[in-house]
Amino acid sequence: MSSNTKNESVNNQTPSTDELARLDKFVNVAPGNEYTIDQKEQTLCRQAINGERECVKLNLEYTQMFSQMQKLGFYCALPMDPTETYMECRRV
């Protein structure tokens, strides 16, 4: 039984790493785009060339997405509208 508990704890750590890799892959497709982090939906989105919004739903905390975007060279901040809850990220 203890080996199952150990495996479960290892498996609980892996999704975060996998999810960060998914975030990296999504951003690397269009590294020059602006991105938004939506806390409520747990999504990272960008505007596609055709005008459509492309998003990836991630099993990450808001702070994890924010931190990873900073590591990738983005500056993220709240929009000017105080009623909005998403963050806008731009490459610096």
PDB file of N, CA and C in Angstrom:
ATOM      1  N   MET A   1       0.826  -1.200   0.000  1.00  0.00           N
ATOM      2  CA  MET A   1       0.000   0.000   0.000  1.00  0.00           C
ATOM      3  C   MET A   1       0.859   1.248   0.000  1.00  0.00           C
ATOM      4  N   SER A   2       1.977   1.210   0.706  1.00  0.00           N
ATOM      5  CA  SER A   2       2.840   2.387   0.749  1.00  0.00           C
ATOM      6  C   SER A   2       3.447   2.682  -0.618  1.00  0.00           C
ATOM      7  N   SER A   3       3.679   1.623  -1.442  1.00  0.00           N
ATOM      8  CA  SER A   3       4.215   1.881  -2.777  1.00  0.00           C
ATOM      9  C   SER A   3       3.189   2.612  -3.641  1.00  0.00           C
ATOM     10  N   ASN A   4       1.901   2.301  -3.469  1.00  0.00           N
ATOM     11  CA  ASN A   4       0.860   3.028  -4.189  1.00  0.00           C
ATOM     12  C   ASN A   4       0.836   4.488  -3.787  1.00  0.00           C
ATOM     13  N   THR A   5       0.959   4.748  -2.496  1.00  0.00           N
ATOM     14  CA  THR A   5       0.973   6.121  -2.010  1.00  0.00           C
ATOM     15  C   THR A   5       2.169   6.864  -2.589  1.00  0.00           C
ATOM     16  N   LYS A   6       3.310   6.205  -2.637  1.00  0.00           N
ATOM     17  CA  LYS A   6       4.509   6.824  -3.205  1.00  0.00           C
ATOM     18  C   LYS A   6       4.298   7.135  -4.681  1.00  0.00           C
ATOM     19  N   ASN A   7       3.744   6.190  -5.433  1.00  0.00           N
ATOM     20  CA  ASN A   7       3.489   6.410  -6.857  1.00  0.00           C
ATOM     21  C   ASN A   7       2.488   7.534  -7.074  1.00  0.00           C
ATOM     22  N   GLU A   8       1.481   7.595  -6.224  1.00  0.00           N
ATOM     23  CA  GLU A   8       0.494   8.658  -6.353  1.00  0.00           C
ATOM     24  C   GLU A   8       1.124  10.019  -6.117  1.00  0.00           C
ATOM     25  N   SER A   9       2.022  10.110  -5.145  1.00  0.00           N
ATOM     26  CA  SER A   9       2.655  11.404  -4.880  1.00  0.00           C
ATOM     27  C   SER A   9       3.566  11.805  -6.033  1.00  0.00           C
ATOM     28  N   VAL A  10       4.239  10.844  -6.642  1.00  0.00           N
ATOM     29  CA  VAL A  10       5.073  11.147  -7.806  1.00  0.00           C
ATOM     30  C   VAL A  10       4.191  11.583  -8.967  1.00  0.00           C
ATOM     31  N   ASN A  11       3.074  10.874  -9.168  1.00  0.00           N
ATOM     32  CA  ASN A  11       2.159  11.221 -10.246  1.00  0.00           C
ATOM     33  C   ASN A  11       1.536  12.594 -10.026  1.00  0.00           C
ATOM     34  N   ASN A  12       1.328  12.983  -8.777  1.00  0.00           N
ATOM     35  CA  ASN A  12       0.760  14.287  -8.497  1.00  0.00           C
ATOM     36  C   ASN A  12       1.722  15.413  -8.852  1.00  0.00           C
ATOM     37  N   GLN A  13       3.008  15.154  -8.845  1.00  0.00           N
ATOM     38  CA  GLN A  13       3.996  16.173  -9.185  1.00  0.00           C
ATOM     39  C   GLN A  13       4.185  16.272 -10.699  1.00  0.00           C
ATOM     40  N   THR A  14       4.021  15.187 -11.411  1.00  0.00           N
ATOM     41  CA  THR A  14       4.263  15.144 -12.843  1.00  0.00           C
ATOM     42  C   THR A  14       3.348  16.051 -13.661  1.00  0.00           C
ATOM     43  N   PRO A  15       2.057  16.127 -13.379  1.00  0.00           N
ATOM     44  CA  PRO A  15       1.191  16.966 -14.205  1.00  0.00           C
ATOM     45  C   PRO A  15       1.670  18.410 -14.293  1.00  0.00           C
ATOM     46  N   SER A  16       2.190  18.947 -13.215  1.00  0.00           N
ATOM     47  CA  SER A  16       2.680  20.321 -13.229  1.00  0.00           C
ATOM     48  C   SER A  16       3.795  20.470 -14.263  1.00  0.00           C
ATOM     49  N   THR A  17       4.737  19.550 -14.269  1.00  0.00           N
ATOM     50  CA  THR A  17       5.841  19.584 -15.223  1.00  0.00           C
ATOM     51  C   THR A  17       5.320  19.416 -16.643  1.00  0.00           C
ATOM     52  N   ASP A  18       4.403  18.473 -16.832  1.00  0.00           N
ATOM     53  CA  ASP A  18       3.801  18.249 -18.152  1.00  0.00           C
ATOM     54  C   ASP A  18       3.030  19.482 -18.613  1.00  0.00           C
ATOM     55  N   GLU A  19       2.304  20.092 -17.695  1.00  0.00           N
ATOM     56  CA  GLU A  19       1.516  21.271 -18.038  1.00  0.00           C
ATOM     57  C   GLU A  19       2.416  22.457 -18.383  1.00  0.00           C
ATOM     58  N   LEU A  20       3.522  22.615 -17.681  1.00  0.00           N
ATOM     59  CA  LEU A  20       4.475  23.688 -18.007  1.00  0.00           C
ATOM     60  C   LEU A  20       5.070  23.451 -19.393  1.00  0.00           C
ATOM     61  N   ALA A  21       5.331  22.195 -19.729  1.00  0.00           N
ATOM     62  CA  ALA A  21       5.842  21.862 -21.060  1.00  0.00           C
ATOM     63  C   ALA A  21       4.788  22.181 -22.128  1.00  0.00           C
ATOM     64  N   ARG A  22       3.518  21.925 -21.841  1.00  0.00           N
ATOM     65  CA  ARG A  22       2.438  22.266 -22.776  1.00  0.00           C
ATOM     66  C   ARG A  22       2.357  23.772 -22.977  1.00  0.00           C
ATOM     67  N   LEU A  23       2.514  24.538 -21.887  1.00  0.00           N
ATOM     68  CA  LEU A  23       2.507  26.000 -21.974  1.00  0.00           C
ATOM     69  C   LEU A  23       3.660  26.460 -22.870  1.00  0.00           C
ATOM     70  N   ASP A  24       4.858  25.928 -22.607  1.00  0.00           N
ATOM     71  CA  ASP A  24       6.038  26.294 -23.411  1.00  0.00           C
ATOM     72  C   ASP A  24       5.806  26.008 -24.894  1.00  0.00           C
ATOM     73  N   LYS A  25       5.272  24.833 -25.188  1.00  0.00           N
ATOM     74  CA  LYS A  25       5.036  24.433 -26.576  1.00  0.00           C
ATOM     75  C   LYS A  25       4.023  25.370 -27.250  1.00  0.00           C
ATOM     76  N   PHE A  26       2.966  25.723 -26.531  1.00  0.00           N
ATOM     77  CA  PHE A  26       1.941  26.617 -27.061  1.00  0.00           C
ATOM     78  C   PHE A  26       2.539  27.984 -27.387  1.00  0.00           C
ATOM     79  N   VAL A  27       3.348  28.519 -26.498  1.00  0.00           N
ATOM     80  CA  VAL A  27       3.961  29.837 -26.701  1.00  0.00           C
ATOM     81  C   VAL A  27       5.011  29.791 -27.805  1.00  0.00           C
ATOM     82  N   ASN A  28       5.763  28.708 -27.890  1.00  0.00           N
ATOM     83  CA  ASN A  28       6.832  28.604 -28.893  1.00  0.00           C
ATOM     84  C   ASN A  28       6.310  28.577 -30.325  1.00  0.00           C
ATOM     85  N   VAL A  29       5.035  28.248 -30.510  1.00  0.00           N
ATOM     86  CA  VAL A  29       4.428  28.272 -31.845  1.00  0.00           C
ATOM     87  C   VAL A  29       4.346  29.710 -32.361  1.00  0.00           C
ATOM     88  N   ALA A  30       4.065  30.654 -31.473  1.00  0.00           N
ATOM     89  CA  ALA A  30       3.940  32.074 -31.842  1.00  0.00           C
ATOM     90  C   ALA A  30       4.538  32.935 -30.724  1.00  0.00           C
ATOM     91  N   PRO A  31       5.874  32.921 -30.595  1.00  0.00           N
ATOM     92  CA  PRO A  31       6.514  33.615 -29.473  1.00  0.00           C
ATOM     93  C   PRO A  31       6.385  35.136 -29.498  1.00  0.00           C
ATOM     94  N   GLY A  32       6.049  35.715 -30.636  1.00  0.00           N
ATOM     95  CA  GLY A  32       5.922  37.164 -30.732  1.00  0.00           C
ATOM     96  C   GLY A  32       4.526  37.686 -30.419  1.00  0.00           C
ATOM     97  N   ASN A  33       3.582  36.777 -30.247  1.00  0.00           N
ATOM     98  CA  ASN A  33       2.200  37.187 -29.973  1.00  0.00           C
ATOM     99  C   ASN A  33       2.031  37.698 -28.547  1.00  0.00           C
ATOM    100  N   GLU A  34       0.935  38.397 -28.325  1.00  0.00           N
ATOM    101  CA  GLU A  34       0.531  38.767 -26.973  1.00  0.00           C
ATOM    102  C   GLU A  34      -0.366  37.656 -26.460  1.00  0.00           C
ATOM    103  N   TYR A  35      -0.303  37.409 -25.165  1.00  0.00           N
ATOM    104  CA  TYR A  35      -1.063  36.334 -24.541  1.00  0.00           C
ATOM    105  C   TYR A  35      -1.897  36.868 -23.395  1.00  0.00           C
ATOM    106  N   THR A  36      -2.953  36.133 -23.071  1.00  0.00           N
ATOM    107  CA  THR A  36      -3.731  36.447 -21.884  1.00  0.00           C
ATOM    108  C   THR A  36      -3.819  35.195 -21.016  1.00  0.00           C
ATOM    109  N   ILE A  37      -3.734  35.410 -19.721  1.00  0.00           N
ATOM    110  CA  ILE A  37      -3.902  34.330 -18.749  1.00  0.00           C
ATOM    111  C   ILE A  37      -5.244  34.567 -18.072  1.00  0.00           C
ATOM    112  N   ASP A  38      -6.144  33.608 -18.222  1.00  0.00           N
ATOM    113  CA  ASP A  38      -7.468  33.712 -17.611  1.00  0.00           C
ATOM    114  C   ASP A  38      -7.506  32.830 -16.370  1.00  0.00           C
ATOM    115  N   GLN A  39      -7.589  33.476 -15.220  1.00  0.00           N
ATOM    116  CA  GLN A  39      -7.558  32.771 -13.948  1.00  0.00           C
ATOM    117  C   GLN A  39      -8.769  31.868 -13.764  1.00  0.00           C
ATOM    118  N   LYS A  40      -9.937  32.362 -14.119  1.00  0.00           N
ATOM    119  CA  LYS A  40     -11.170  31.599 -13.910  1.00  0.00           C
ATOM    120  C   LYS A  40     -11.214  30.341 -14.761  1.00  0.00           C
ATOM    121  N   GLU A  41     -10.799  30.474 -16.020  1.00  0.00           N
ATOM    122  CA  GLU A  41     -10.876  29.350 -16.963  1.00  0.00           C
ATOM    123  C   GLU A  41      -9.603  28.504 -16.982  1.00  0.00           C
ATOM    124  N   GLN A  42      -8.562  28.946 -16.316  1.00  0.00           N
ATOM    125  CA  GLN A  42      -7.247  28.294 -16.325  1.00  0.00           C
ATOM    126  C   GLN A  42      -6.746  28.109 -17.759  1.00  0.00           C
ATOM    127  N   THR A  43      -6.844  29.187 -18.538  1.00  0.00           N
ATOM    128  CA  THR A  43      -6.421  29.116 -19.933  1.00  0.00           C
ATOM    129  C   THR A  43      -5.365  30.169 -20.247  1.00  0.00           C
ATOM    130  N   LEU A  44      -4.573  29.849 -21.245  1.00  0.00           N
ATOM    131  CA  LEU A  44      -3.622  30.781 -21.842  1.00  0.00           C
ATOM    132  C   LEU A  44      -4.081  30.950 -23.283  1.00  0.00           C
ATOM    133  N   CYS A  45      -4.304  32.199 -23.700  1.00  0.00           N
ATOM    134  CA  CYS A  45      -4.857  32.452 -25.035  1.00  0.00           C
ATOM    135  C   CYS A  45      -4.003  33.448 -25.815  1.00  0.00           C
ATOM    136  N   ARG A  46      -4.142  33.375 -27.139  1.00  0.00           N
ATOM    137  CA  ARG A  46      -3.499  34.334 -28.038  1.00  0.00           C
ATOM    138  C   ARG A  46      -4.430  34.574 -29.219  1.00  0.00           C
ATOM    139  N   GLN A  47      -4.205  35.686 -29.910  1.00  0.00           N
ATOM    140  CA  GLN A  47      -4.975  36.022 -31.106  1.00  0.00           C
ATOM    141  C   GLN A  47      -4.268  35.399 -32.305  1.00  0.00           C
ATOM    142  N   ALA A  48      -4.956  34.592 -33.068  1.00  0.00           N
ATOM    143  CA  ALA A  48      -4.378  33.959 -34.254  1.00  0.00           C
ATOM    144  C   ALA A  48      -4.359  34.951 -35.416  1.00  0.00           C
ATOM    145  N   ILE A  49      -3.621  34.624 -36.458  1.00  0.00           N
ATOM    146  CA  ILE A  49      -3.509  35.472 -37.646  1.00  0.00           C
ATOM    147  C   ILE A  49      -4.877  35.708 -38.277  1.00  0.00           C
ATOM    148  N   ASN A  50      -5.727  34.664 -38.272  1.00  0.00           N
ATOM    149  CA  ASN A  50      -7.058  34.777 -38.876  1.00  0.00           C
ATOM    150  C   ASN A  50      -8.052  35.511 -37.972  1.00  0.00           C
ATOM    151  N   GLY A  51      -7.582  36.006 -36.832  1.00  0.00           N
ATOM    152  CA  GLY A  51      -8.442  36.762 -35.934  1.00  0.00           C
ATOM    153  C   GLY A  51      -9.118  35.929 -34.862  1.00  0.00           C
ATOM    154  N   GLU A  52      -9.042  34.614 -35.001  1.00  0.00           N
ATOM    155  CA  GLU A  52      -9.645  33.750 -34.000  1.00  0.00           C
ATOM    156  C   GLU A  52      -8.758  33.673 -32.763  1.00  0.00           C
ATOM    157  N   ARG A  53      -9.383  33.387 -31.658  1.00  0.00           N
ATOM    158  CA  ARG A  53      -8.658  33.262 -30.400  1.00  0.00           C
ATOM    159  C   ARG A  53      -8.277  31.800 -30.199  1.00  0.00           C
ATOM    160  N   GLU A  54      -6.992  31.550 -29.991  1.00  0.00           N
ATOM    161  CA  GLU A  54      -6.512  30.192 -29.724  1.00  0.00           C
ATOM    162  C   GLU A  54      -6.161  30.097 -28.243  1.00  0.00           C
ATOM    163  N   CYS A  55      -6.654  29.045 -27.612  1.00  0.00           N
ATOM    164  CA  CYS A  55      -6.431  28.881 -26.175  1.00  0.00           C
ATOM    165  C   CYS A  55      -6.003  27.454 -25.859  1.00  0.00           C
ATOM    166  N   VAL A  56      -5.291  27.344 -24.766  1.00  0.00           N
ATOM    167  CA  VAL A  56      -4.953  26.037 -24.222  1.00  0.00           C
ATOM    168  C   VAL A  56      -5.356  26.054 -22.752  1.00  0.00           C
ATOM    169  N   LYS A  57      -6.132  25.048 -22.361  1.00  0.00           N
ATOM    170  CA  LYS A  57      -6.554  24.933 -20.962  1.00  0.00           C
ATOM    171  C   LYS A  57      -5.477  24.149 -20.224  1.00  0.00           C
ATOM    172  N   LEU A  58      -4.988  24.732 -19.145  1.00  0.00           N
ATOM    173  CA  LEU A  58      -3.890  24.134 -18.401  1.00  0.00           C
ATOM    174  C   LEU A  58      -4.300  23.825 -16.970  1.00  0.00           C
ATOM    175  N   ASN A  59      -3.799  22.728 -16.469  1.00  0.00           N
ATOM    176  CA  ASN A  59      -4.054  22.354 -15.080  1.00  0.00           C
ATOM    177  C   ASN A  59      -2.946  22.954 -14.211  1.00  0.00           C
ATOM    178  N   LEU A  60      -2.876  24.287 -14.216  1.00  0.00           N
ATOM    179  CA  LEU A  60      -1.863  25.014 -13.460  1.00  0.00           C
ATOM    180  C   LEU A  60      -2.523  26.122 -12.658  1.00  0.00           C
ATOM    181  N   GLU A  61      -1.890  26.483 -11.577  1.00  0.00           N
ATOM    182  CA  GLU A  61      -2.328  27.642 -10.803  1.00  0.00           C
ATOM    183  C   GLU A  61      -2.017  28.903 -11.621  1.00  0.00           C
ATOM    184  N   TYR A  62      -2.763  29.943 -11.351  1.00  0.00           N
ATOM    185  CA  TYR A  62      -2.553  31.246 -11.996  1.00  0.00           C
ATOM    186  C   TYR A  62      -1.104  31.707 -11.820  1.00  0.00           C
ATOM    187  N   THR A  63      -0.586  31.548 -10.608  1.00  0.00           N
ATOM    188  CA  THR A  63       0.781  31.996 -10.320  1.00  0.00           C
ATOM    189  C   THR A  63       1.822  31.180 -11.083  1.00  0.00           C
ATOM    190  N   GLN A  64       1.535  29.898 -11.313  1.00  0.00           N
ATOM    191  CA  GLN A  64       2.460  29.066 -12.077  1.00  0.00           C
ATOM    192  C   GLN A  64       2.524  29.522 -13.532  1.00  0.00           C
ATOM    193  N   MET A  65       1.352  29.848 -14.107  1.00  0.00           N
ATOM    194  CA  MET A  65       1.330  30.333 -15.496  1.00  0.00           C
ATOM    195  C   MET A  65       2.065  31.673 -15.595  1.00  0.00           C
ATOM    196  N   PHE A  66       1.794  32.551 -14.651  1.00  0.00           N
ATOM    197  CA  PHE A  66       2.435  33.869 -14.612  1.00  0.00           C
ATOM    198  C   PHE A  66       3.959  33.720 -14.533  1.00  0.00           C
ATOM    199  N   SER A  67       4.417  32.899 -13.626  1.00  0.00           N
ATOM    200  CA  SER A  67       5.849  32.682 -13.428  1.00  0.00           C
ATOM    201  C   SER A  67       6.512  32.095 -14.674  1.00  0.00           C
ATOM    202  N   GLN A  68       5.850  31.131 -15.298  1.00  0.00           N
ATOM    203  CA  GLN A  68       6.415  30.508 -16.498  1.00  0.00           C
ATOM    204  C   GLN A  68       6.485  31.496 -17.656  1.00  0.00           C
ATOM    205  N   MET A  69       5.474  32.333 -17.798  1.00  0.00           N
ATOM    206  CA  MET A  69       5.497  33.342 -18.862  1.00  0.00           C
ATOM    207  C   MET A  69       6.652  34.325 -18.630  1.00  0.00           C
ATOM    208  N   GLN A  70       6.913  34.683 -17.391  1.00  0.00           N
ATOM    209  CA  GLN A  70       8.050  35.553 -17.091  1.00  0.00           C
ATOM    210  C   GLN A  70       9.361  34.877 -17.472  1.00  0.00           C
ATOM    211  N   LYS A  71       9.478  33.589 -17.176  1.00  0.00           N
ATOM    212  CA  LYS A  71      10.686  32.837 -17.536  1.00  0.00           C
ATOM    213  C   LYS A  71      10.890  32.801 -19.041  1.00  0.00           C
ATOM    214  N   LEU A  72       9.787  32.847 -19.794  1.00  0.00           N
ATOM    215  CA  LEU A  72       9.866  32.824 -21.259  1.00  0.00           C
ATOM    216  C   LEU A  72      10.100  34.219 -21.847  1.00  0.00           C
ATOM    217  N   GLY A  73      10.267  35.216 -20.981  1.00  0.00           N
ATOM    218  CA  GLY A  73      10.590  36.559 -21.455  1.00  0.00           C
ATOM    219  C   GLY A  73       9.401  37.472 -21.666  1.00  0.00           C
ATOM    220  N   PHE A  74       8.300  37.193 -20.993  1.00  0.00           N
ATOM    221  CA  PHE A  74       7.106  38.018 -21.118  1.00  0.00           C
ATOM    222  C   PHE A  74       6.916  38.875 -19.872  1.00  0.00           C
ATOM    223  N   TYR A  75       6.349  40.049 -20.085  1.00  0.00           N
ATOM    224  CA  TYR A  75       5.931  40.922 -18.993  1.00  0.00           C
ATOM    225  C   TYR A  75       4.419  40.798 -18.907  1.00  0.00           C
ATOM    226  N   CYS A  76       3.916  40.396 -17.755  1.00  0.00           N
ATOM    227  CA  CYS A  76       2.475  40.207 -17.580  1.00  0.00           C
ATOM    228  C   CYS A  76       1.931  41.195 -16.559  1.00  0.00           C
ATOM    229  N   ALA A  77       0.784  41.779 -16.875  1.00  0.00           N
ATOM    230  CA  ALA A  77       0.144  42.741 -15.980  1.00  0.00           C
ATOM    231  C   ALA A  77      -1.355  42.700 -16.175  1.00  0.00           C
ATOM    232  N   LEU A  78      -2.066  43.216 -15.178  1.00  0.00           N
ATOM    233  CA  LEU A  78      -3.518  43.337 -15.298  1.00  0.00           C
ATOM    234  C   LEU A  78      -3.841  44.396 -16.342  1.00  0.00           C
ATOM    235  N   PRO A  79      -4.952  44.249 -17.059  1.00  0.00           N
ATOM    236  CA  PRO A  79      -5.345  45.268 -18.038  1.00  0.00           C
ATOM    237  C   PRO A  79      -5.766  46.561 -17.328  1.00  0.00           C
ATOM    238  N   MET A  80      -5.901  47.628 -18.082  1.00  0.00           N
ATOM    239  CA  MET A  80      -6.282  48.920 -17.520  1.00  0.00           C
ATOM    240  C   MET A  80      -7.691  48.897 -16.915  1.00  0.00           C
ATOM    241  N   ASP A  81      -8.566  48.067 -17.458  1.00  0.00           N
ATOM    242  CA  ASP A  81      -9.941  47.974 -16.976  1.00  0.00           C
ATOM    243  C   ASP A  81      -9.963  47.206 -15.649  1.00  0.00           C
ATOM    244  N   PRO A  82     -10.309  47.856 -14.531  1.00  0.00           N
ATOM    245  CA  PRO A  82     -10.279  47.194 -13.226  1.00  0.00           C
ATOM    246  C   PRO A  82     -11.320  46.096 -13.049  1.00  0.00           C
ATOM    247  N   THR A  83     -12.283  46.003 -13.945  1.00  0.00           N
ATOM    248  CA  THR A  83     -13.297  44.952 -13.834  1.00  0.00           C
ATOM    249  C   THR A  83     -12.834  43.638 -14.456  1.00  0.00           C
ATOM    250  N   GLU A  84     -11.751  43.679 -15.226  1.00  0.00           N
ATOM    251  CA  GLU A  84     -11.231  42.471 -15.876  1.00  0.00           C
ATOM    252  C   GLU A  84     -10.322  41.706 -14.915  1.00  0.00           C
ATOM    253  N   THR A  85     -10.325  40.383 -15.022  1.00  0.00           N
ATOM    254  CA  THR A  85      -9.530  39.557 -14.103  1.00  0.00           C
ATOM    255  C   THR A  85      -8.384  38.819 -14.783  1.00  0.00           C
ATOM    256  N   TYR A  86      -8.284  38.919 -16.090  1.00  0.00           N
ATOM    257  CA  TYR A  86      -7.207  38.219 -16.794  1.00  0.00           C
ATOM    258  C   TYR A  86      -5.928  39.064 -16.759  1.00  0.00           C
ATOM    259  N   MET A  87      -4.816  38.433 -17.127  1.00  0.00           N
ATOM    260  CA  MET A  87      -3.548  39.155 -17.241  1.00  0.00           C
ATOM    261  C   MET A  87      -3.144  39.184 -18.701  1.00  0.00           C
ATOM    262  N   GLU A  88      -2.556  40.303 -19.123  1.00  0.00           N
ATOM    263  CA  GLU A  88      -2.029  40.438 -20.478  1.00  0.00           C
ATOM    264  C   GLU A  88      -0.522  40.254 -20.410  1.00  0.00           C
ATOM    265  N   CYS A  89       0.015  39.457 -21.313  1.00  0.00           N
ATOM    266  CA  CYS A  89       1.451  39.177 -21.340  1.00  0.00           C
ATOM    267  C   CYS A  89       2.031  39.583 -22.690  1.00  0.00           C
ATOM    268  N   ARG A  90       3.091  40.374 -22.633  1.00  0.00           N
ATOM    269  CA  ARG A  90       3.788  40.829 -23.844  1.00  0.00           C
ATOM    270  C   ARG A  90       5.268  40.489 -23.729  1.00  0.00           C
ATOM    271  N   ARG A  91       5.848  40.114 -24.849  1.00  0.00           N
ATOM    272  CA  ARG A  91       7.294  39.813 -24.863  1.00  0.00           C
ATOM    273  C   ARG A  91       8.072  41.093 -24.624  1.00  0.00           C
ATOM    274  N   VAL A  92       9.092  41.007 -23.770  1.00  0.00           N
ATOM    275  CA  VAL A  92       9.951  42.178 -23.505  1.00  0.00           C
ATOM    276  C   VAL A  92      11.326  41.977 -24.093  1.00  0.00           C
TER     277      VAL A  92
END
